[in-house]
Amino acid sequence: MLLLYRALTVFLVTLGKSLNFVIFCLNSASFRSRLINFVNSKINQKRLSLTSRRSF
């Protein structure tokens, strides 16, 4: 029974943190903008990395 409570607790904590992220994204234009810029920069870095590997 204790294992069930632990699994339920871990699930609820994970769900709560996930929902907090979604709610924060919905409510903060500044955060959304920074997140989009961050993701785009990572995508561009990956593309540059793949492009430079192909040129050799």
N, C-alpha and C. Protein backbone atom coordinates (compact mmCIF):
# COMPACT_ATOMS: atom_id res chain seq x y z
N MET A 1 0.82 -1.19 0.00
CA MET A 1 0.00 0.00 0.00
C MET A 1 0.86 1.26 0.00
N LEU A 2 1.98 1.20 0.73
CA LEU A 2 2.90 2.33 0.78
C LEU A 2 3.47 2.63 -0.60
N LEU A 3 3.73 1.58 -1.37
CA LEU A 3 4.25 1.75 -2.72
C LEU A 3 3.24 2.48 -3.60
N LEU A 4 1.97 2.18 -3.42
CA LEU A 4 0.91 2.85 -4.18
C LEU A 4 0.87 4.34 -3.85
N TYR A 5 0.96 4.67 -2.57
CA TYR A 5 0.97 6.08 -2.16
C TYR A 5 2.17 6.81 -2.73
N ARG A 6 3.30 6.15 -2.72
CA ARG A 6 4.53 6.77 -3.26
C ARG A 6 4.38 7.02 -4.76
N ALA A 7 3.87 6.04 -5.48
CA ALA A 7 3.67 6.20 -6.92
C ALA A 7 2.68 7.32 -7.21
N LEU A 8 1.61 7.38 -6.44
CA LEU A 8 0.61 8.43 -6.61
C LEU A 8 1.20 9.80 -6.31
N THR A 9 2.00 9.89 -5.26
CA THR A 9 2.64 11.15 -4.90
C THR A 9 3.59 11.62 -5.99
N VAL A 10 4.40 10.72 -6.50
CA VAL A 10 5.34 11.07 -7.58
C VAL A 10 4.57 11.53 -8.81
N PHE A 11 3.50 10.83 -9.14
CA PHE A 11 2.68 11.20 -10.29
C PHE A 11 2.08 12.60 -10.11
N LEU A 12 1.53 12.87 -8.93
CA LEU A 12 0.90 14.17 -8.69
C LEU A 12 1.92 15.31 -8.71
N VAL A 13 3.10 15.08 -8.16
CA VAL A 13 4.15 16.10 -8.19
C VAL A 13 4.55 16.38 -9.63
N THR A 14 4.75 15.32 -10.42
CA THR A 14 5.13 15.49 -11.83
C THR A 14 4.03 16.21 -12.60
N LEU A 15 2.80 15.83 -12.37
CA LEU A 15 1.67 16.49 -13.03
C LEU A 15 1.60 17.96 -12.66
N GLY A 16 1.78 18.26 -11.39
CA GLY A 16 1.74 19.64 -10.92
C GLY A 16 2.82 20.49 -11.55
N LYS A 17 4.03 19.96 -11.62
CA LYS A 17 5.13 20.71 -12.23
C LYS A 17 4.90 20.92 -13.72
N SER A 18 4.36 19.92 -14.38
CA SER A 18 4.06 20.04 -15.81
C SER A 18 2.98 21.10 -16.04
N LEU A 19 1.96 21.08 -15.23
CA LEU A 19 0.89 22.07 -15.36
C LEU A 19 1.39 23.48 -15.05
N ASN A 20 2.28 23.61 -14.08
CA ASN A 20 2.85 24.92 -13.78
C ASN A 20 3.58 25.47 -14.99
N PHE A 21 4.33 24.63 -15.68
CA PHE A 21 5.06 25.06 -16.87
C PHE A 21 4.08 25.55 -17.93
N VAL A 22 3.03 24.79 -18.18
CA VAL A 22 2.04 25.17 -19.19
C VAL A 22 1.35 26.48 -18.81
N ILE A 23 0.94 26.60 -17.56
CA ILE A 23 0.27 27.82 -17.10
C ILE A 23 1.21 29.01 -17.21
N PHE A 24 2.46 28.82 -16.84
CA PHE A 24 3.43 29.91 -16.93
C PHE A 24 3.62 30.33 -18.38
N CYS A 25 3.69 29.37 -19.29
CA CYS A 25 3.83 29.70 -20.72
C CYS A 25 2.61 30.46 -21.22
N LEU A 26 1.44 30.09 -20.77
CA LEU A 26 0.22 30.76 -21.22
C LEU A 26 0.11 32.19 -20.69
N ASN A 27 0.67 32.43 -19.51
CA ASN A 27 0.49 33.73 -18.86
C ASN A 27 1.63 34.71 -19.05
N SER A 28 2.79 34.27 -19.47
CA SER A 28 3.95 35.16 -19.54
C SER A 28 4.46 35.28 -20.97
N ALA A 29 4.14 36.40 -21.59
CA ALA A 29 4.62 36.64 -22.96
C ALA A 29 6.14 36.73 -23.00
N SER A 30 6.72 37.31 -21.97
CA SER A 30 8.18 37.43 -21.91
C SER A 30 8.84 36.05 -21.85
N PHE A 31 8.29 35.17 -21.03
CA PHE A 31 8.84 33.82 -20.92
C PHE A 31 8.70 33.07 -22.24
N ARG A 32 7.53 33.18 -22.88
CA ARG A 32 7.32 32.53 -24.18
C ARG A 32 8.34 33.00 -25.20
N SER A 33 8.56 34.30 -25.23
CA SER A 33 9.52 34.86 -26.18
C SER A 33 10.93 34.34 -25.92
N ARG A 34 11.33 34.33 -24.67
CA ARG A 34 12.67 33.83 -24.32
C ARG A 34 12.80 32.34 -24.61
N LEU A 35 11.74 31.59 -24.34
CA LEU A 35 11.76 30.15 -24.61
C LEU A 35 11.87 29.88 -26.11
N ILE A 36 11.11 30.60 -26.91
CA ILE A 36 11.16 30.43 -28.36
C ILE A 36 12.55 30.78 -28.89
N ASN A 37 13.11 31.88 -28.41
CA ASN A 37 14.46 32.27 -28.84
C ASN A 37 15.49 31.21 -28.45
N PHE A 38 15.36 30.66 -27.25
CA PHE A 38 16.28 29.63 -26.78
C PHE A 38 16.19 28.38 -27.65
N VAL A 39 14.97 27.93 -27.91
CA VAL A 39 14.77 26.72 -28.72
C VAL A 39 15.29 26.95 -30.14
N ASN A 40 14.99 28.11 -30.72
CA ASN A 40 15.47 28.41 -32.06
C ASN A 40 16.99 28.43 -32.13
N SER A 41 17.64 28.98 -31.11
CA SER A 41 19.10 29.02 -31.11
C SER A 41 19.68 27.61 -31.03
N LYS A 42 19.05 26.74 -30.25
CA LYS A 42 19.52 25.35 -30.16
C LYS A 42 19.33 24.62 -31.48
N ILE A 43 18.21 24.87 -32.15
CA ILE A 43 17.96 24.25 -33.45
C ILE A 43 18.99 24.72 -34.46
N ASN A 44 19.27 26.03 -34.46
CA ASN A 44 20.26 26.57 -35.40
C ASN A 44 21.65 26.03 -35.12
N GLN A 45 22.01 25.87 -33.84
CA GLN A 45 23.31 25.29 -33.49
C GLN A 45 23.41 23.86 -34.01
N LYS A 46 22.34 23.11 -33.87
CA LYS A 46 22.32 21.73 -34.34
C LYS A 46 22.46 21.68 -35.86
N ARG A 47 21.76 22.56 -36.55
CA ARG A 47 21.85 22.61 -38.01
C ARG A 47 23.27 22.94 -38.46
N LEU A 48 23.88 23.92 -37.81
CA LEU A 48 25.25 24.30 -38.16
C LEU A 48 26.21 23.15 -37.90
N SER A 49 25.98 22.44 -36.81
CA SER A 49 26.83 21.30 -36.48
C SER A 49 26.70 20.21 -37.54
N LEU A 50 25.48 19.94 -37.96
CA LEU A 50 25.27 18.91 -38.99
C LEU A 50 25.83 19.35 -40.34
N THR A 51 25.70 20.63 -40.66
CA THR A 51 26.21 21.16 -41.92
C THR A 51 27.73 21.08 -41.97
N SER A 52 28.38 21.43 -40.87
CA SER A 52 29.84 21.40 -40.85
C SER A 52 30.37 19.97 -40.93
N ARG A 53 29.65 19.01 -40.43
CA ARG A 53 30.07 17.61 -40.51
C ARG A 53 29.99 17.10 -41.94
N ARG A 54 29.00 17.55 -42.68
CA ARG A 54 28.82 17.09 -44.06
C ARG A 54 29.88 17.65 -45.00
N SER A 55 30.43 18.80 -44.67
CA SER A 55 31.37 19.44 -45.58
C SER A 55 32.75 18.78 -45.57
N PHE A 56 33.00 17.89 -44.61
CA PHE A 56 34.31 17.23 -44.54
C PHE A 56 34.35 15.97 -45.34
